[in-house]
Amino acid sequence: MAKFEQEIFANQKPIDDAFEKFGFVKQKDVFVFKKDIVENKFLLVVEYSKKQGVSTEVFDKDFNEPYTLYKVKGFSGGFSKQVRQEVEDVLKDIKKQCFKNTAFDEKLSLDIVSYIKKRRGDDPEHLWEKFPRYAVFRRQDNAKWYAGIFNVNAQKLGATEDKEVEILIVRGNPEDVDFKTVFPGWHMNKKHWISFILDGRVPFEELVKKVDLSYFFAGK
């Protein structure tokens, strides 16, 4: 899988019976999906196989030749920016319908990811190749982070347990820290961030209230 596709499908596991429902056609061991994009000027071909993962090709229909500039991030000449955006939109739809996230183990983590996606339209961003289970969420209007889900040792938060846990970090009041349910903001400015261990000690309803408040703080 090329870097362009890797950025979208990081930590994603395929749902085998979803591809044909989406519109893929199975050709031996490869699923193939085709769609005209950019006012029918280009043809997008998406392929998925267990060995190669997801790959894309775009063809200029006027010249019947491959168009590759859309994979060059930051390049905006000609149709490349529009092609890239439409390809990304298709791939994100495929990810939503045909894959499931494997970056997180805890149900609370997955529920929070789903809540943020439904309420804000934001997907988790996995920014560190060495740490695929670290994810952040940022506002679309100003690109500021408002939440993160990470996998760390609980003792790094000041907890007594010596075990790996999934945590939620949000913008919040450090005066709330009690080292039982609320912990200092891990890896962030502890004057403005707090952390929660996602093991059920804080219910989902309270956690998403903190996420919504953090989203508000990030807009200031």
Protein backbone atom coordinates (compact mmCIF):
# COMPACT_ATOMS: atom_id res chain seq x y z
CA MET A 1 0.00 0.00 0.00
CA ALA A 2 1.46 3.35 -1.05
CA LYS A 3 1.90 6.17 1.47
CA PHE A 4 -1.11 8.05 0.08
CA GLU A 5 -3.42 5.15 0.89
CA GLN A 6 -1.60 4.26 4.13
CA GLU A 7 -2.46 7.64 5.63
CA ILE A 8 -6.16 6.90 5.20
CA PHE A 9 -6.23 3.18 6.05
CA ALA A 10 -3.84 3.11 9.01
CA ASN A 11 -5.12 0.79 11.76
CA GLN A 12 -8.04 -0.41 9.64
CA LYS A 13 -9.20 -4.01 9.32
CA PRO A 14 -11.29 -5.04 6.28
CA ILE A 15 -14.84 -6.32 6.64
CA ASP A 16 -14.78 -9.11 4.05
CA ASP A 17 -18.45 -9.16 3.11
CA ALA A 18 -18.71 -5.37 2.78
CA PHE A 19 -16.78 -4.81 -0.44
CA GLU A 20 -19.31 -6.20 -2.90
CA LYS A 21 -22.12 -4.44 -1.02
CA PHE A 22 -20.23 -1.18 -1.56
CA GLY A 23 -19.90 -1.80 -5.30
CA PHE A 24 -16.58 -3.62 -5.68
CA VAL A 25 -16.35 -6.41 -8.24
CA LYS A 26 -14.33 -9.46 -7.24
CA GLN A 27 -11.74 -10.54 -9.82
CA LYS A 28 -9.99 -13.66 -8.49
CA ASP A 29 -8.32 -12.47 -5.24
CA VAL A 30 -8.76 -8.74 -5.91
CA PHE A 31 -11.75 -6.48 -5.33
CA VAL A 32 -12.03 -3.68 -7.92
CA PHE A 33 -14.10 -0.49 -7.71
CA LYS A 34 -14.34 2.11 -10.50
CA LYS A 35 -15.81 5.60 -10.45
CA ASP A 36 -15.72 8.65 -12.71
CA ILE A 37 -14.54 11.77 -10.87
CA VAL A 38 -13.95 15.47 -11.55
CA GLU A 39 -16.96 15.94 -13.81
CA ASN A 40 -16.23 12.62 -15.57
CA LYS A 41 -12.83 13.81 -16.79
CA PHE A 42 -10.97 11.12 -14.82
CA LEU A 43 -11.54 7.48 -13.95
CA LEU A 44 -10.65 6.32 -10.43
CA VAL A 45 -9.81 2.63 -9.98
CA VAL A 46 -9.55 1.32 -6.42
CA GLU A 47 -8.25 -2.20 -5.77
CA TYR A 48 -8.16 -4.17 -2.55
CA SER A 49 -6.45 -7.48 -1.83
CA LYS A 50 -5.28 -9.09 1.40
CA LYS A 51 -1.69 -9.12 0.14
CA GLN A 52 -1.46 -5.58 -1.23
CA GLY A 53 -4.09 -3.73 0.80
CA VAL A 54 -5.74 -0.72 -0.87
CA SER A 55 -4.27 0.84 -3.99
CA THR A 56 -5.55 3.51 -6.36
CA GLU A 57 -5.00 4.55 -9.95
CA VAL A 58 -6.46 7.52 -11.77
CA PHE A 59 -6.69 7.74 -15.54
CA ASP A 60 -7.10 10.87 -17.64
CA LYS A 61 -10.01 9.88 -19.87
CA ASP A 62 -9.13 12.37 -22.63
CA PHE A 63 -5.66 10.86 -23.13
CA ASN A 64 -6.32 7.36 -21.70
CA GLU A 65 -3.16 7.66 -19.61
CA PRO A 66 -2.44 7.32 -15.87
CA TYR A 67 -2.60 10.54 -13.84
CA THR A 68 -0.30 10.38 -10.81
CA LEU A 69 0.11 13.96 -9.56
CA TYR A 70 -2.75 13.58 -7.09
CA LYS A 71 -0.46 11.43 -4.91
CA VAL A 72 2.07 14.27 -4.52
CA LYS A 73 0.97 15.99 -1.32
CA GLY A 74 0.95 19.77 -1.61
CA PHE A 75 1.07 19.80 -5.41
CA SER A 76 -1.79 21.91 -6.71
CA GLY A 77 -1.11 22.33 -10.42
CA GLY A 78 -3.79 21.56 -12.97
CA PHE A 79 -6.48 19.20 -11.74
CA SER A 80 -4.29 17.58 -9.05
CA LYS A 81 -5.85 19.25 -6.02
CA GLN A 82 -9.40 18.48 -7.10
CA VAL A 83 -8.50 14.93 -8.12
CA ARG A 84 -6.79 14.32 -4.78
CA GLN A 85 -9.77 15.63 -2.83
CA GLU A 86 -12.28 13.50 -4.72
CA VAL A 87 -10.09 10.40 -4.42
CA GLU A 88 -9.77 11.02 -0.67
CA ASP A 89 -13.54 11.40 -0.37
CA VAL A 90 -14.10 8.05 -2.09
CA LEU A 91 -11.45 6.30 0.02
CA LYS A 92 -12.87 7.70 3.26
CA ASP A 93 -16.29 6.43 2.26
CA ILE A 94 -14.78 3.01 1.54
CA LYS A 95 -13.05 3.09 4.93
CA LYS A 96 -16.32 3.91 6.66
CA GLN A 97 -18.31 1.19 4.88
CA CYS A 98 -15.75 -1.60 4.40
CA PHE A 99 -13.28 -1.35 7.31
CA LYS A 100 -13.23 -1.13 11.09
CA ASN A 101 -10.71 0.60 13.33
CA THR A 102 -8.22 -1.66 15.12
CA ALA A 103 -6.14 1.01 16.86
CA PHE A 104 -8.14 0.78 20.08
CA ASP A 105 -9.11 -2.15 22.28
CA GLU A 106 -11.43 -0.54 24.80
CA LYS A 107 -15.12 -0.22 23.94
CA LEU A 108 -15.10 3.26 25.52
CA SER A 109 -12.39 4.34 23.07
CA LEU A 110 -14.39 3.09 20.09
CA ASP A 111 -17.59 4.68 21.43
CA ILE A 112 -15.83 8.04 21.82
CA VAL A 113 -14.42 7.81 18.28
CA SER A 114 -17.94 7.10 16.97
CA TYR A 115 -19.42 9.95 19.01
CA ILE A 116 -16.90 12.48 17.71
CA LYS A 117 -17.41 11.31 14.13
CA LYS A 118 -21.18 11.61 14.42
CA ARG A 119 -21.21 14.94 16.28
CA ARG A 120 -18.25 16.73 14.67
CA GLY A 121 -17.45 14.77 11.52
CA ASP A 122 -13.85 14.35 12.69
CA ASP A 123 -11.81 11.17 12.25
CA PRO A 124 -8.87 10.23 14.50
CA GLU A 125 -5.53 11.32 13.07
CA HIS A 126 -2.63 8.92 13.60
CA LEU A 127 0.30 11.31 13.30
CA TRP A 128 3.19 9.17 14.54
CA GLU A 129 4.32 6.17 12.50
CA LYS A 130 6.13 4.67 15.49
CA PHE A 131 3.02 4.99 17.65
CA PRO A 132 0.05 3.78 15.55
CA ARG A 133 -2.21 3.62 18.64
CA TYR A 134 -1.84 7.34 19.32
CA ALA A 135 -4.62 9.42 17.79
CA VAL A 136 -5.70 13.05 17.99
CA PHE A 137 -8.80 14.97 17.02
CA ARG A 138 -8.69 18.56 15.86
CA ARG A 139 -11.19 21.26 14.99
CA GLN A 140 -11.73 21.74 11.28
CA ASP A 141 -11.91 25.54 11.49
CA ASN A 142 -8.60 26.25 13.22
CA ALA A 143 -6.81 22.85 13.29
CA LYS A 144 -6.39 22.98 17.09
CA TRP A 145 -6.40 19.68 18.97
CA TYR A 146 -9.32 19.14 21.33
CA ALA A 147 -8.94 15.45 22.21
CA GLY A 148 -6.57 12.53 21.97
CA ILE A 149 -6.67 8.80 22.66
CA PHE A 150 -3.37 7.16 23.58
CA ASN A 151 -2.05 3.84 24.84
CA VAL A 152 0.35 4.36 27.79
CA ASN A 153 1.41 2.85 31.09
CA ALA A 154 -0.97 4.03 33.82
CA GLN A 155 1.93 5.00 36.07
CA LYS A 156 2.88 7.74 33.61
CA LEU A 157 -0.31 9.51 34.71
CA GLY A 158 0.43 9.09 38.39
CA ALA A 159 -1.85 6.06 38.82
CA THR A 160 -0.75 3.14 40.99
CA GLU A 161 -1.39 0.42 38.39
CA ASP A 162 1.60 -0.81 36.42
CA LYS A 163 -0.21 -1.73 33.20
CA GLU A 164 -0.95 -0.46 29.71
CA VAL A 165 -4.18 1.50 29.46
CA GLU A 166 -6.01 3.56 26.86
CA ILE A 167 -6.52 7.16 27.92
CA LEU A 168 -8.49 10.16 26.76
CA ILE A 169 -6.88 13.60 27.02
CA VAL A 170 -8.92 16.78 26.71
CA ARG A 171 -8.59 20.46 27.48
CA GLY A 172 -9.80 21.00 31.03
CA ASN A 173 -9.27 22.34 34.53
CA PRO A 174 -6.21 20.88 36.34
CA GLU A 175 -7.95 21.57 39.65
CA ASP A 176 -10.18 18.58 38.84
CA VAL A 177 -7.20 16.20 39.07
CA ASP A 178 -7.69 13.68 41.90
CA PHE A 179 -5.41 10.84 40.66
CA LYS A 180 -8.38 8.44 40.89
CA THR A 181 -10.69 9.41 38.05
CA VAL A 182 -9.00 12.53 36.67
CA PHE A 183 -5.28 12.69 35.94
CA PRO A 184 -2.86 15.34 34.64
CA GLY A 185 -2.76 15.86 30.90
CA TRP A 186 -0.30 13.28 29.62
CA HIS A 187 2.32 14.62 27.21
CA MET A 188 0.52 17.98 27.10
CA ASN A 189 0.59 21.27 29.01
CA LYS A 190 -0.74 20.27 32.42
CA LYS A 191 -2.13 23.75 32.96
CA HIS A 192 -4.67 23.22 30.22
CA TRP A 193 -5.13 19.47 29.72
CA ILE A 194 -6.43 16.55 31.81
CA SER A 195 -6.54 12.79 31.25
CA PHE A 196 -8.98 9.95 31.87
CA ILE A 197 -8.30 6.21 31.90
CA LEU A 198 -10.80 4.49 29.62
CA ASP A 199 -11.52 1.48 31.81
CA GLY A 200 -15.03 2.38 32.94
CA ARG A 201 -14.21 4.32 36.08
CA VAL A 202 -15.66 7.39 34.33
CA PRO A 203 -18.89 6.71 32.36
CA PHE A 204 -19.22 7.43 28.67
CA GLU A 205 -21.75 10.24 29.21
CA GLU A 206 -19.31 12.17 31.41
CA LEU A 207 -16.41 11.62 29.04
CA VAL A 208 -18.20 12.99 25.98
CA LYS A 209 -19.27 16.05 28.00
CA LYS A 210 -15.56 16.66 28.62
CA VAL A 211 -14.87 16.19 24.90
CA ASP A 212 -17.55 18.73 23.97
CA LEU A 213 -16.22 21.23 26.51
CA SER A 214 -12.69 20.72 25.20
CA TYR A 215 -13.95 21.35 21.66
CA PHE A 216 -15.35 24.67 22.89
CA PHE A 217 -12.07 25.62 24.62
CA ALA A 218 -10.13 24.83 21.43
CA GLY A 219 -12.26 27.35 19.54
CA LYS A 220 -11.13 30.29 21.61
